Amino acid sequence: MNPLPSNVIEKKRRILGPTGRYILKISNWDVNGEIPNYKKMVLVGVPHTAMRDAWYGLLTVLALDLKVNFFGAKWVFTRLPSPITFSKNLDRLGIPWPLGWLQKRMLVRLGGIPVYRTEAKGHITSAIEEFSKLENFVLVLTPEGGTYAVSQFRSGFYYIAKDMNIPYVPIEIDFKNRSFNIQEPHFVVGTFEEESLKLEKLFEGVEGATRTFTMLKEKE
């Protein structure tokens, strides 16, 4: 894997770094392209179709010695995924377990930012305020917002990139070829709908873990 450029914060992990590289190698996963040399950027991953996307994404972050931040539903930080929904509260999905406290500690140390989905309004504005205080950061987002097919992207990537005048970098989560494909960075020059359409065209036909990405307008 290529070394990180000078403006991107490197996070050396003596055990987790080599472990991530080893697991990716034996899993036949690869990273194509390079992280661009910007001090601040948003990585936009599509298609997000299964929870194992996050597993391979985490391994890639570790393998690259990359320091990142990412948003995650509050329950992801303390609970285990479950195919059965036990609660109607969006912040209490999944299955609680005794090591939830350790799970939260690890994810926060890896750059995780819990999002309360029942109180989600305004969290992007708060994030912009907090990230504006940092000299360097790489924020990872999945604009589909979850693992199900959606009719439109969520707007977080757009407003963070636009309001902070930083690039967003499309990344294909390509399960067919078992690779993360890093595309060229983009700066916001149009409306949310126009920037979303750019992404849709880039990701058209990419095969995720459980479905192939198709143009969102065609699902309406």
C-alpha atoms as a PDB file:
ATOM      1  CA  MET A   1       0.000   0.000   0.000  1.00  0.00           C
ATOM      2  CA  ASN A   2       1.181   3.518  -0.809  1.00  0.00           C
ATOM      3  CA  PRO A   3       2.414   5.744   2.058  1.00  0.00           C
ATOM      4  CA  LEU A   4       0.126   8.568   3.168  1.00  0.00           C
ATOM      5  CA  PRO A   5       0.797  12.048   1.735  1.00  0.00           C
ATOM      6  CA  SER A   6       2.328  14.726   3.946  1.00  0.00           C
ATOM      7  CA  ASN A   7      -0.878  16.605   4.838  1.00  0.00           C
ATOM      8  CA  VAL A   8      -2.745  13.506   6.048  1.00  0.00           C
ATOM      9  CA  ILE A   9      -2.348  12.496   9.688  1.00  0.00           C
ATOM     10  CA  GLU A  10      -0.664   9.131  10.113  1.00  0.00           C
ATOM     11  CA  LYS A  11      -1.679   6.930  13.041  1.00  0.00           C
ATOM     12  CA  LYS A  12       0.886   4.200  13.599  1.00  0.00           C
ATOM     13  CA  ARG A  13      -0.521   1.178  15.426  1.00  0.00           C
ATOM     14  CA  ARG A  14       2.156  -1.365  16.372  1.00  0.00           C
ATOM     15  CA  ILE A  15      -0.219  -4.318  16.545  1.00  0.00           C
ATOM     16  CA  LEU A  16      -3.430  -3.303  14.790  1.00  0.00           C
ATOM     17  CA  GLY A  17      -1.658  -1.902  11.704  1.00  0.00           C
ATOM     18  CA  PRO A  18       0.172  -5.126  10.765  1.00  0.00           C
ATOM     19  CA  THR A  19      -2.907  -7.133  11.769  1.00  0.00           C
ATOM     20  CA  GLY A  20      -5.114  -5.117   9.413  1.00  0.00           C
ATOM     21  CA  ARG A  21      -2.668  -5.544   6.528  1.00  0.00           C
ATOM     22  CA  TYR A  22      -2.416  -9.292   7.157  1.00  0.00           C
ATOM     23  CA  ILE A  23      -6.194  -9.883   7.318  1.00  0.00           C
ATOM     24  CA  LEU A  24      -6.802  -7.840   4.160  1.00  0.00           C
ATOM     25  CA  LYS A  25      -4.120  -9.827   2.374  1.00  0.00           C
ATOM     26  CA  ILE A  26      -5.477 -13.260   3.286  1.00  0.00           C
ATOM     27  CA  SER A  27      -9.010 -12.003   2.516  1.00  0.00           C
ATOM     28  CA  ASN A  28      -7.834 -10.920  -0.983  1.00  0.00           C
ATOM     29  CA  TRP A  29      -8.954  -7.330  -0.380  1.00  0.00           C
ATOM     30  CA  ASP A  30      -7.034  -4.425  -1.863  1.00  0.00           C
ATOM     31  CA  VAL A  31      -7.002  -0.623  -1.966  1.00  0.00           C
ATOM     32  CA  ASN A  32      -6.754   1.042  -5.373  1.00  0.00           C
ATOM     33  CA  GLY A  33      -5.837   4.706  -5.715  1.00  0.00           C
ATOM     34  CA  GLU A  34      -4.319   7.117  -3.233  1.00  0.00           C
ATOM     35  CA  ILE A  35      -5.616   9.295  -0.413  1.00  0.00           C
ATOM     36  CA  PRO A  36      -5.308  12.873  -1.778  1.00  0.00           C
ATOM     37  CA  ASN A  37      -2.937  15.319  -0.106  1.00  0.00           C
ATOM     38  CA  TYR A  38      -5.391  17.597   1.704  1.00  0.00           C
ATOM     39  CA  LYS A  39      -5.387  18.567   5.382  1.00  0.00           C
ATOM     40  CA  LYS A  40      -9.168  18.209   5.601  1.00  0.00           C
ATOM     41  CA  MET A  41     -11.483  15.983   3.550  1.00  0.00           C
ATOM     42  CA  VAL A  42     -14.596  13.830   3.583  1.00  0.00           C
ATOM     43  CA  LEU A  43     -14.356  10.242   2.310  1.00  0.00           C
ATOM     44  CA  VAL A  44     -17.696   9.138   0.812  1.00  0.00           C
ATOM     45  CA  GLY A  45     -18.168   5.351   0.649  1.00  0.00           C
ATOM     46  CA  VAL A  46     -20.833   3.708  -1.568  1.00  0.00           C
ATOM     47  CA  PRO A  47     -22.574   1.279  -1.760  1.00  0.00           C
ATOM     48  CA  HIS A  48     -23.078   0.509   1.916  1.00  0.00           C
ATOM     49  CA  THR A  49     -25.135  -2.690   1.826  1.00  0.00           C
ATOM     50  CA  ALA A  50     -24.082  -4.737   4.867  1.00  0.00           C
ATOM     51  CA  MET A  51     -22.478  -4.329   8.290  1.00  0.00           C
ATOM     52  CA  ARG A  52     -19.383  -6.148   7.037  1.00  0.00           C
ATOM     53  CA  ASP A  53     -18.620  -3.057   4.941  1.00  0.00           C
ATOM     54  CA  ALA A  54     -17.612  -1.427   8.226  1.00  0.00           C
ATOM     55  CA  TRP A  55     -15.408  -4.418   9.109  1.00  0.00           C
ATOM     56  CA  TYR A  56     -13.413  -4.232   5.888  1.00  0.00           C
ATOM     57  CA  GLY A  57     -13.384  -0.445   6.113  1.00  0.00           C
ATOM     58  CA  LEU A  58     -11.895  -0.627   9.598  1.00  0.00           C
ATOM     59  CA  LEU A  59      -9.239  -3.083   8.435  1.00  0.00           C
ATOM     60  CA  THR A  60      -8.349  -0.713   5.601  1.00  0.00           C
ATOM     61  CA  VAL A  61      -8.006   2.257   7.961  1.00  0.00           C
ATOM     62  CA  LEU A  62      -5.719   0.182  10.185  1.00  0.00           C
ATOM     63  CA  ALA A  63      -3.740  -1.136   7.217  1.00  0.00           C
ATOM     64  CA  LEU A  64      -3.153   2.378   5.865  1.00  0.00           C
ATOM     65  CA  ASP A  65      -2.096   3.739   9.288  1.00  0.00           C
ATOM     66  CA  LEU A  66      -4.790   6.355   8.719  1.00  0.00           C
ATOM     67  CA  LYS A  67      -6.402   8.469  11.425  1.00  0.00           C
ATOM     68  CA  VAL A  68     -10.094   9.008  10.712  1.00  0.00           C
ATOM     69  CA  ASN A  69     -13.359  10.101  12.264  1.00  0.00           C
ATOM     70  CA  PHE A  70     -16.704   8.550  11.477  1.00  0.00           C
ATOM     71  CA  PHE A  71     -20.324   8.882  12.530  1.00  0.00           C
ATOM     72  CA  GLY A  72     -22.210   5.863  13.797  1.00  0.00           C
ATOM     73  CA  ALA A  73     -25.639   5.241  15.271  1.00  0.00           C
ATOM     74  CA  LYS A  74     -25.457   5.255  19.075  1.00  0.00           C
ATOM     75  CA  TRP A  75     -26.415   1.577  19.352  1.00  0.00           C
ATOM     76  CA  VAL A  76     -23.476   0.503  17.163  1.00  0.00           C
ATOM     77  CA  PHE A  77     -21.083   1.648  19.903  1.00  0.00           C
ATOM     78  CA  THR A  78     -22.454  -0.614  22.648  1.00  0.00           C
ATOM     79  CA  ARG A  79     -24.578  -3.348  21.035  1.00  0.00           C
ATOM     80  CA  LEU A  80     -24.192  -6.275  18.665  1.00  0.00           C
ATOM     81  CA  PRO A  81     -25.970  -6.289  15.258  1.00  0.00           C
ATOM     82  CA  SER A  82     -29.150  -8.341  15.062  1.00  0.00           C
ATOM     83  CA  PRO A  83     -31.416  -9.305  12.117  1.00  0.00           C
ATOM     84  CA  ILE A  84     -34.374  -8.973  14.488  1.00  0.00           C
ATOM     85  CA  THR A  85     -35.530  -5.589  15.797  1.00  0.00           C
ATOM     86  CA  PHE A  86     -36.386  -5.685  19.509  1.00  0.00           C
ATOM     87  CA  SER A  87     -37.052  -1.978  20.003  1.00  0.00           C
ATOM     88  CA  LYS A  88     -38.750   0.794  18.057  1.00  0.00           C
ATOM     89  CA  ASN A  89     -36.238   3.251  19.533  1.00  0.00           C
ATOM     90  CA  LEU A  90     -33.626   3.844  16.802  1.00  0.00           C
ATOM     91  CA  ASP A  91     -30.950   4.329  19.465  1.00  0.00           C
ATOM     92  CA  ARG A  92     -31.657   0.965  21.100  1.00  0.00           C
ATOM     93  CA  LEU A  93     -31.391  -1.422  18.164  1.00  0.00           C
ATOM     94  CA  GLY A  94     -29.171  -4.501  18.257  1.00  0.00           C
ATOM     95  CA  ILE A  95     -28.449  -6.766  21.225  1.00  0.00           C
ATOM     96  CA  PRO A  96     -26.876  -5.469  24.460  1.00  0.00           C
ATOM     97  CA  TRP A  97     -23.946  -7.479  25.827  1.00  0.00           C
ATOM     98  CA  PRO A  98     -21.586  -7.316  28.823  1.00  0.00           C
ATOM     99  CA  LEU A  99     -18.644  -5.913  26.861  1.00  0.00           C
ATOM    100  CA  GLY A 100     -20.576  -3.008  25.368  1.00  0.00           C
ATOM    101  CA  TRP A 101     -18.492  -0.575  27.418  1.00  0.00           C
ATOM    102  CA  LEU A 102     -15.303  -1.958  25.872  1.00  0.00           C
ATOM    103  CA  GLN A 103     -16.822  -1.848  22.398  1.00  0.00           C
ATOM    104  CA  LYS A 104     -17.654   1.841  22.871  1.00  0.00           C
ATOM    105  CA  ARG A 105     -14.202   2.646  24.204  1.00  0.00           C
ATOM    106  CA  MET A 106     -12.519   0.976  21.236  1.00  0.00           C
ATOM    107  CA  LEU A 107     -14.732   2.624  18.612  1.00  0.00           C
ATOM    108  CA  VAL A 108     -14.303   6.080  20.143  1.00  0.00           C
ATOM    109  CA  ARG A 109     -10.522   5.580  20.243  1.00  0.00           C
ATOM    110  CA  LEU A 110     -10.681   4.644  16.558  1.00  0.00           C
ATOM    111  CA  GLY A 111     -12.395   7.977  15.800  1.00  0.00           C
ATOM    112  CA  GLY A 112     -16.065   7.086  16.184  1.00  0.00           C
ATOM    113  CA  ILE A 113     -18.624   9.790  16.914  1.00  0.00           C
ATOM    114  CA  PRO A 114     -21.965   8.451  18.267  1.00  0.00           C
ATOM    115  CA  VAL A 115     -25.068   9.945  16.667  1.00  0.00           C
ATOM    116  CA  TYR A 116     -28.402   9.852  18.466  1.00  0.00           C
ATOM    117  CA  ARG A 117     -30.799   9.103  15.639  1.00  0.00           C
ATOM    118  CA  THR A 118     -33.800  10.178  17.713  1.00  0.00           C
ATOM    119  CA  GLU A 119     -32.122  13.562  18.184  1.00  0.00           C
ATOM    120  CA  ALA A 120     -30.259  13.766  14.869  1.00  0.00           C
ATOM    121  CA  LYS A 121     -31.340  17.276  13.898  1.00  0.00           C
ATOM    122  CA  GLY A 122     -28.461  19.696  14.008  1.00  0.00           C
ATOM    123  CA  HIS A 123     -25.657  17.171  14.427  1.00  0.00           C
ATOM    124  CA  ILE A 124     -24.081  18.146  11.085  1.00  0.00           C
ATOM    125  CA  THR A 125     -23.998  21.801  12.177  1.00  0.00           C
ATOM    126  CA  SER A 126     -22.393  20.781  15.459  1.00  0.00           C
ATOM    127  CA  ALA A 127     -19.897  18.593  13.594  1.00  0.00           C
ATOM    128  CA  ILE A 128     -18.887  21.478  11.324  1.00  0.00           C
ATOM    129  CA  GLU A 129     -18.269  23.672  14.371  1.00  0.00           C
ATOM    130  CA  GLU A 130     -16.094  21.022  16.021  1.00  0.00           C
ATOM    131  CA  PHE A 131     -14.173  20.010  12.889  1.00  0.00           C
ATOM    132  CA  SER A 132     -13.476  23.690  12.118  1.00  0.00           C
ATOM    133  CA  LYS A 133     -11.288  23.740  15.230  1.00  0.00           C
ATOM    134  CA  LEU A 134      -9.023  20.984  13.870  1.00  0.00           C
ATOM    135  CA  GLU A 135      -6.011  21.564  11.644  1.00  0.00           C
ATOM    136  CA  ASN A 136      -6.262  18.117   9.999  1.00  0.00           C
ATOM    137  CA  PHE A 137      -8.992  15.497   9.765  1.00  0.00           C
ATOM    138  CA  VAL A 138     -10.351  12.763   7.532  1.00  0.00           C
ATOM    139  CA  LEU A 139     -14.086  12.146   8.009  1.00  0.00           C
ATOM    140  CA  VAL A 140     -15.603   8.938   6.629  1.00  0.00           C
ATOM    141  CA  LEU A 141     -19.297   8.978   5.645  1.00  0.00           C
ATOM    142  CA  THR A 142     -21.728   6.597   3.953  1.00  0.00           C
ATOM    143  CA  PRO A 143     -24.329   8.918   2.366  1.00  0.00           C
ATOM    144  CA  GLU A 144     -26.918   6.156   2.065  1.00  0.00           C
ATOM    145  CA  GLY A 145     -27.163   6.371   5.847  1.00  0.00           C
ATOM    146  CA  GLY A 146     -27.682   2.633   6.346  1.00  0.00           C
ATOM    147  CA  THR A 147     -27.538  -0.707   4.583  1.00  0.00           C
ATOM    148  CA  TYR A 148     -30.891  -0.481   2.789  1.00  0.00           C
ATOM    149  CA  ALA A 149     -31.510   0.942  -0.690  1.00  0.00           C
ATOM    150  CA  VAL A 150     -32.597   4.590  -0.464  1.00  0.00           C
ATOM    151  CA  SER A 151     -34.287   7.075  -2.781  1.00  0.00           C
ATOM    152  CA  GLN A 152     -31.693   9.795  -2.161  1.00  0.00           C
ATOM    153  CA  PHE A 153     -28.384  10.373  -0.417  1.00  0.00           C
ATOM    154  CA  ARG A 154     -28.225  12.084   2.937  1.00  0.00           C
ATOM    155  CA  SER A 155     -26.869  15.608   2.720  1.00  0.00           C
ATOM    156  CA  GLY A 156     -24.180  15.500   5.421  1.00  0.00           C
ATOM    157  CA  PHE A 157     -21.255  15.057   3.026  1.00  0.00           C
ATOM    158  CA  TYR A 158     -22.489  17.991   0.945  1.00  0.00           C
ATOM    159  CA  TYR A 159     -22.894  20.547   3.736  1.00  0.00           C
ATOM    160  CA  ILE A 160     -19.663  19.618   5.501  1.00  0.00           C
ATOM    161  CA  ALA A 161     -17.678  19.871   2.249  1.00  0.00           C
ATOM    162  CA  LYS A 162     -19.482  23.032   1.126  1.00  0.00           C
ATOM    163  CA  ASP A 163     -19.478  24.982   4.393  1.00  0.00           C
ATOM    164  CA  MET A 164     -15.840  24.134   5.151  1.00  0.00           C
ATOM    165  CA  ASN A 165     -14.670  24.457   1.520  1.00  0.00           C
ATOM    166  CA  ILE A 166     -12.981  21.063   1.610  1.00  0.00           C
ATOM    167  CA  PRO A 167     -13.032  18.181  -0.904  1.00  0.00           C
ATOM    168  CA  TYR A 168     -15.144  15.057  -0.749  1.00  0.00           C
ATOM    169  CA  VAL A 169     -13.498  11.903  -2.052  1.00  0.00           C
ATOM    170  CA  PRO A 170     -15.704   9.132  -3.533  1.00  0.00           C
ATOM    171  CA  ILE A 171     -14.676   5.586  -2.576  1.00  0.00           C
ATOM    172  CA  GLU A 172     -16.212   2.523  -4.212  1.00  0.00           C
ATOM    173  CA  ILE A 173     -16.940  -0.369  -1.851  1.00  0.00           C
ATOM    174  CA  ASP A 174     -16.470  -2.986  -4.563  1.00  0.00           C
ATOM    175  CA  PHE A 175     -17.274  -6.472  -3.294  1.00  0.00           C
ATOM    176  CA  LYS A 176     -17.123  -8.050  -6.750  1.00  0.00           C
ATOM    177  CA  ASN A 177     -13.428  -7.224  -7.053  1.00  0.00           C
ATOM    178  CA  ARG A 178     -12.873  -7.131  -3.287  1.00  0.00           C
ATOM    179  CA  SER A 179     -11.427  -3.647  -3.279  1.00  0.00           C
ATOM    180  CA  PHE A 180     -11.847  -0.094  -2.074  1.00  0.00           C
ATOM    181  CA  ASN A 181     -11.364   2.167  -5.099  1.00  0.00           C
ATOM    182  CA  ILE A 182     -10.370   5.732  -4.221  1.00  0.00           C
ATOM    183  CA  GLN A 183     -11.579   8.236  -6.835  1.00  0.00           C
ATOM    184  CA  GLU A 184     -10.417  11.785  -7.575  1.00  0.00           C
ATOM    185  CA  PRO A 185     -11.430  14.472  -5.029  1.00  0.00           C
ATOM    186  CA  HIS A 186     -14.310  16.845  -5.786  1.00  0.00           C
ATOM    187  CA  PHE A 187     -15.112  20.309  -4.471  1.00  0.00           C
ATOM    188  CA  VAL A 188     -18.731  21.398  -4.180  1.00  0.00           C
ATOM    189  CA  VAL A 189     -19.674  23.658  -7.100  1.00  0.00           C
ATOM    190  CA  GLY A 190     -23.396  22.959  -7.437  1.00  0.00           C
ATOM    191  CA  THR A 191     -26.532  22.202  -5.475  1.00  0.00           C
ATOM    192  CA  PHE A 192     -26.968  19.126  -3.313  1.00  0.00           C
ATOM    193  CA  GLU A 193     -28.970  17.484  -6.096  1.00  0.00           C
ATOM    194  CA  GLU A 194     -26.228  18.202  -8.654  1.00  0.00           C
ATOM    195  CA  GLU A 195     -23.427  16.887  -6.441  1.00  0.00           C
ATOM    196  CA  SER A 196     -25.492  13.797  -5.574  1.00  0.00           C
ATOM    197  CA  LEU A 197     -26.016  13.100  -9.259  1.00  0.00           C
ATOM    198  CA  LYS A 198     -22.244  13.212  -9.809  1.00  0.00           C
ATOM    199  CA  LEU A 199     -21.807  10.549  -7.148  1.00  0.00           C
ATOM    200  CA  GLU A 200     -24.622   8.405  -8.495  1.00  0.00           C
ATOM    201  CA  LYS A 201     -23.000   8.328 -11.933  1.00  0.00           C
ATOM    202  CA  LEU A 202     -19.622   7.423 -10.417  1.00  0.00           C
ATOM    203  CA  PHE A 203     -21.051   4.556  -8.367  1.00  0.00           C
ATOM    204  CA  GLU A 204     -23.481   3.215 -10.984  1.00  0.00           C
ATOM    205  CA  GLY A 205     -23.016  -0.548 -11.328  1.00  0.00           C
ATOM    206  CA  VAL A 206     -20.683  -1.035  -8.355  1.00  0.00           C
ATOM    207  CA  GLU A 207     -21.493  -4.380  -6.731  1.00  0.00           C
ATOM    208  CA  GLY A 208     -21.828  -4.210  -2.985  1.00  0.00           C
ATOM    209  CA  ALA A 209     -22.076  -7.112  -0.533  1.00  0.00           C
ATOM    210  CA  THR A 210     -25.818  -7.651  -1.052  1.00  0.00           C
ATOM    211  CA  ARG A 211     -26.860  -5.468  -4.005  1.00  0.00           C
ATOM    212  CA  THR A 212     -25.565  -3.498  -6.971  1.00  0.00           C
ATOM    213  CA  PHE A 213     -25.756   0.278  -6.811  1.00  0.00           C
ATOM    214  CA  THR A 214     -28.151   1.833  -9.323  1.00  0.00           C
ATOM    215  CA  MET A 215     -29.103   5.429 -10.016  1.00  0.00           C
ATOM    216  CA  LEU A 216     -31.308   6.574  -7.168  1.00  0.00           C
ATOM    217  CA  LYS A 217     -33.707   8.502  -9.414  1.00  0.00           C
ATOM    218  CA  GLU A 218     -34.666   5.262 -11.124  1.00  0.00           C
ATOM    219  CA  LYS A 219     -36.012   3.842  -7.847  1.00  0.00           C
ATOM    220  CA  GLU A 220     -38.714   6.476  -7.458  1.00  0.00           C
END
